[in-house]
N, C-alpha and C. Protein backbone atom coordinates (compact mmCIF):
# COMPACT_ATOMS: atom_id res chain seq x y z
N MET A 1 128.88 0.58 55.52
CA MET A 1 129.07 1.80 56.35
C MET A 1 130.53 1.86 56.83
N ILE A 2 131.00 3.11 56.90
CA ILE A 2 132.39 3.35 57.40
C ILE A 2 132.22 3.98 58.75
N TYR A 3 132.88 3.35 59.76
CA TYR A 3 132.85 3.81 61.11
C TYR A 3 134.01 4.72 61.38
N LYS A 4 133.82 5.79 62.14
CA LYS A 4 134.88 6.71 62.62
C LYS A 4 134.81 6.74 64.04
N VAL A 5 136.03 6.65 64.73
CA VAL A 5 136.12 6.93 66.12
C VAL A 5 136.56 8.43 66.32
N TYR A 6 135.99 9.08 67.22
CA TYR A 6 136.18 10.52 67.43
C TYR A 6 136.36 10.93 68.92
N ALA A 7 137.09 11.98 69.11
CA ALA A 7 137.11 12.60 70.53
C ALA A 7 136.77 14.14 70.41
N ILE A 8 135.99 14.51 71.28
CA ILE A 8 135.61 15.97 71.31
C ILE A 8 135.93 16.49 72.73
N SER A 9 136.35 17.64 72.79
CA SER A 9 136.68 18.39 73.97
C SER A 9 135.72 19.52 74.26
N SER A 10 135.24 19.60 75.50
CA SER A 10 134.34 20.72 75.90
C SER A 10 135.14 22.03 75.88
N LEU A 11 134.44 23.12 75.35
CA LEU A 11 135.07 24.36 75.33
C LEU A 11 134.94 25.12 76.58
N THR A 12 134.08 24.65 77.53
CA THR A 12 133.92 25.37 78.81
C THR A 12 134.33 24.59 80.07
N LYS A 13 134.55 23.25 79.88
CA LYS A 13 134.95 22.45 81.05
C LYS A 13 136.08 21.44 80.62
N ASN A 14 136.67 20.91 81.56
CA ASN A 14 137.86 19.99 81.39
C ASN A 14 137.17 18.57 81.18
N TYR A 15 136.69 18.27 79.92
CA TYR A 15 136.00 17.13 79.63
C TYR A 15 136.27 16.78 78.31
N ILE A 16 136.61 15.46 78.04
CA ILE A 16 136.76 14.84 76.67
C ILE A 16 135.91 13.61 76.55
N TYR A 17 135.15 13.63 75.46
CA TYR A 17 134.24 12.46 75.18
C TYR A 17 134.78 11.70 73.98
N VAL A 18 134.76 10.43 74.09
CA VAL A 18 135.13 9.56 72.99
C VAL A 18 134.02 8.74 72.54
N GLY A 19 133.68 8.67 71.17
CA GLY A 19 132.66 7.84 70.70
C GLY A 19 133.00 7.34 69.31
N PHE A 20 131.99 6.67 68.68
CA PHE A 20 132.19 6.24 67.25
C PHE A 20 130.80 6.39 66.53
N SER A 21 130.86 6.72 65.22
CA SER A 21 129.75 6.90 64.49
C SER A 21 130.02 6.59 62.98
N THR A 22 128.86 6.36 62.27
CA THR A 22 128.95 6.34 60.88
C THR A 22 128.67 7.61 60.16
N GLU A 23 128.18 8.65 60.99
CA GLU A 23 127.86 9.87 60.48
C GLU A 23 128.39 10.96 61.40
N LEU A 24 129.62 11.25 61.32
CA LEU A 24 130.46 11.98 62.27
C LEU A 24 129.88 13.50 62.39
N GLU A 25 129.59 14.07 61.27
CA GLU A 25 129.16 15.48 61.38
C GLU A 25 127.82 15.54 62.02
N VAL A 26 126.91 14.62 61.78
CA VAL A 26 125.56 14.62 62.33
C VAL A 26 125.75 14.43 63.88
N ARG A 27 126.65 13.51 64.25
CA ARG A 27 126.79 13.19 65.60
C ARG A 27 127.46 14.37 66.34
N LEU A 28 128.38 15.16 65.81
CA LEU A 28 128.98 16.30 66.36
C LEU A 28 127.87 17.35 66.59
N ASN A 29 126.99 17.50 65.61
CA ASN A 29 125.91 18.54 65.78
C ASN A 29 124.98 18.10 66.89
N ARG A 30 124.73 16.89 67.13
CA ARG A 30 123.87 16.36 68.13
C ARG A 30 124.56 16.69 69.57
N HIS A 31 125.88 16.50 69.62
CA HIS A 31 126.51 16.85 70.87
C HIS A 31 126.53 18.31 71.15
N ASN A 32 126.75 19.15 70.18
CA ASN A 32 126.74 20.57 70.42
C ASN A 32 125.44 21.21 70.65
N LYS A 33 124.41 20.50 70.15
CA LYS A 33 123.01 20.98 70.49
C LYS A 33 122.47 20.47 71.76
N GLY A 34 123.22 19.66 72.51
CA GLY A 34 122.88 19.22 73.78
C GLY A 34 121.80 17.99 73.73
N LEU A 35 121.88 17.34 72.48
CA LEU A 35 120.79 16.28 72.35
C LEU A 35 121.39 14.86 72.81
N ASN A 36 122.47 14.84 73.37
CA ASN A 36 123.12 13.60 73.96
C ASN A 36 123.14 13.71 75.45
N LYS A 37 122.42 12.87 76.08
CA LYS A 37 122.29 12.97 77.51
C LYS A 37 123.66 13.01 78.27
N THR A 38 124.64 12.25 77.91
CA THR A 38 125.89 12.12 78.54
C THR A 38 126.62 13.38 78.46
N THR A 39 126.54 14.13 77.27
CA THR A 39 127.40 15.23 77.02
C THR A 39 126.75 16.55 77.05
N ALA A 40 125.49 16.63 77.29
CA ALA A 40 124.61 17.82 77.21
C ALA A 40 125.21 18.95 78.04
N SER A 41 125.59 18.73 79.39
CA SER A 41 126.00 19.70 80.23
C SER A 41 127.42 20.14 79.97
N TYR A 42 128.13 19.59 79.05
CA TYR A 42 129.45 19.92 78.71
C TYR A 42 129.57 20.68 77.38
N ALA A 43 128.47 20.81 76.67
CA ALA A 43 128.49 21.48 75.33
C ALA A 43 128.83 23.10 75.57
N PRO A 44 129.48 23.68 74.60
CA PRO A 44 129.82 23.24 73.21
C PRO A 44 131.16 22.42 73.28
N PHE A 45 131.34 21.76 72.05
CA PHE A 45 132.54 20.93 71.85
C PHE A 45 133.23 21.32 70.61
N ARG A 46 134.58 20.88 70.48
CA ARG A 46 135.33 21.01 69.33
C ARG A 46 135.93 19.50 69.04
N LEU A 47 136.06 19.22 67.85
CA LEU A 47 136.59 17.94 67.43
C LEU A 47 138.11 18.02 67.64
N ILE A 48 138.67 17.10 68.40
CA ILE A 48 140.10 17.16 68.59
C ILE A 48 140.77 15.93 67.94
N TYR A 49 140.06 14.91 67.61
CA TYR A 49 140.60 13.67 67.05
C TYR A 49 139.53 12.88 66.30
N SER A 50 139.94 12.33 65.07
CA SER A 50 139.03 11.34 64.49
C SER A 50 139.94 10.41 63.63
N GLU A 51 139.39 9.20 63.52
CA GLU A 51 140.11 8.17 62.64
C GLU A 51 138.97 7.33 62.07
N VAL A 52 139.28 6.79 60.77
CA VAL A 52 138.47 5.92 60.12
C VAL A 52 138.94 4.55 60.57
N VAL A 53 138.00 3.68 61.02
CA VAL A 53 138.40 2.41 61.51
C VAL A 53 137.90 1.25 60.64
N GLY A 54 137.08 1.51 59.64
CA GLY A 54 136.59 0.51 58.76
C GLY A 54 135.08 0.22 58.87
N THR A 55 134.66 -0.88 58.38
CA THR A 55 133.20 -1.17 58.23
C THR A 55 132.62 -2.09 59.36
N SER A 56 133.47 -2.38 60.33
CA SER A 56 133.07 -3.29 61.39
C SER A 56 132.74 -2.43 62.72
N ARG A 57 131.54 -2.61 63.20
CA ARG A 57 131.12 -1.95 64.50
C ARG A 57 132.10 -2.53 65.61
N GLU A 58 132.45 -3.76 65.55
CA GLU A 58 133.27 -4.33 66.61
C GLU A 58 134.69 -3.79 66.56
N GLU A 59 135.14 -3.51 65.35
CA GLU A 59 136.46 -2.76 65.22
C GLU A 59 136.43 -1.42 65.90
N ALA A 60 135.33 -0.69 65.49
CA ALA A 60 135.17 0.66 65.97
C ALA A 60 135.06 0.66 67.55
N ARG A 61 134.36 -0.29 68.10
CA ARG A 61 134.21 -0.41 69.51
C ARG A 61 135.53 -0.70 70.23
N PHE A 62 136.34 -1.52 69.66
CA PHE A 62 137.69 -1.82 70.06
C PHE A 62 138.62 -0.53 70.13
N ARG A 63 138.51 0.25 69.07
CA ARG A 63 139.43 1.46 69.01
C ARG A 63 138.83 2.46 70.01
N GLU A 64 137.48 2.58 70.18
CA GLU A 64 136.95 3.47 71.06
C GLU A 64 137.40 3.14 72.54
N LYS A 65 137.39 1.87 72.85
CA LYS A 65 137.85 1.46 74.20
C LYS A 65 139.29 1.87 74.35
N TYR A 66 140.18 1.74 73.40
CA TYR A 66 141.53 2.18 73.59
C TYR A 66 141.64 3.63 73.92
N TRP A 67 140.86 4.51 73.19
CA TRP A 67 140.95 6.01 73.41
C TRP A 67 140.31 6.31 74.76
N LYS A 68 139.45 5.51 75.26
CA LYS A 68 138.85 5.77 76.66
C LYS A 68 139.70 5.23 77.73
N SER A 69 140.71 4.47 77.40
CA SER A 69 141.65 3.96 78.44
C SER A 69 142.50 5.01 79.00
N GLY A 70 143.31 4.74 80.07
CA GLY A 70 144.19 5.73 80.61
C GLY A 70 145.19 6.19 79.61
N THR A 71 145.82 5.30 78.98
CA THR A 71 146.82 5.69 77.94
C THR A 71 146.17 6.59 76.79
N GLY A 72 145.10 6.18 76.24
CA GLY A 72 144.40 6.90 75.23
C GLY A 72 144.06 8.25 75.73
N LYS A 73 143.44 8.37 76.88
CA LYS A 73 142.96 9.67 77.42
C LYS A 73 144.20 10.62 77.65
N ARG A 74 145.33 10.05 78.13
CA ARG A 74 146.43 10.88 78.26
C ARG A 74 146.95 11.48 76.88
N LYS A 75 146.93 10.65 75.87
CA LYS A 75 147.31 11.19 74.50
C LYS A 75 146.35 12.23 74.00
N LEU A 76 145.04 12.00 74.29
CA LEU A 76 144.08 13.01 73.95
C LEU A 76 144.28 14.33 74.66
N ARG A 77 144.54 14.26 75.94
CA ARG A 77 144.82 15.39 76.70
C ARG A 77 145.96 16.26 76.04
N ILE A 78 147.04 15.51 75.82
CA ILE A 78 148.22 16.14 75.19
C ILE A 78 147.82 16.83 73.82
N LEU A 79 147.07 16.09 72.98
CA LEU A 79 146.66 16.64 71.73
C LEU A 79 145.75 17.85 71.93
N ARG A 80 144.79 17.77 72.81
CA ARG A 80 143.90 18.90 73.15
C ARG A 80 144.70 20.24 73.57
N ASP A 81 145.72 19.92 74.45
CA ASP A 81 146.54 21.08 75.01
C ASP A 81 147.37 21.67 73.88
N GLU A 82 147.82 20.84 72.95
CA GLU A 82 148.64 21.37 71.84
C GLU A 82 147.82 22.17 70.91
N LEU A 83 146.49 21.98 70.76
CA LEU A 83 145.60 22.68 70.00
C LEU A 83 145.29 24.10 70.56
N ASP A 84 145.40 24.26 71.87
CA ASP A 84 145.03 25.50 72.56
C ASP A 84 145.97 26.56 72.26
């Protein structure tokens, strides 16, 4: 399995969610349908970033932690704002 780390931005609120998945399209659909408890109240979303991290869940978790950190979130906010 190939893991991808991704970041999505709410279209209605100032909220960025970072996660990882082996099925990115399926995961994005679940977020947008409100099927994820953490993100349901922030839907709908758009994908603002994704990266392939390999076949290791541990490696994906490591990269996810980076993007959830202060530095990572600042970079994602800049990226989101550039897309607007």
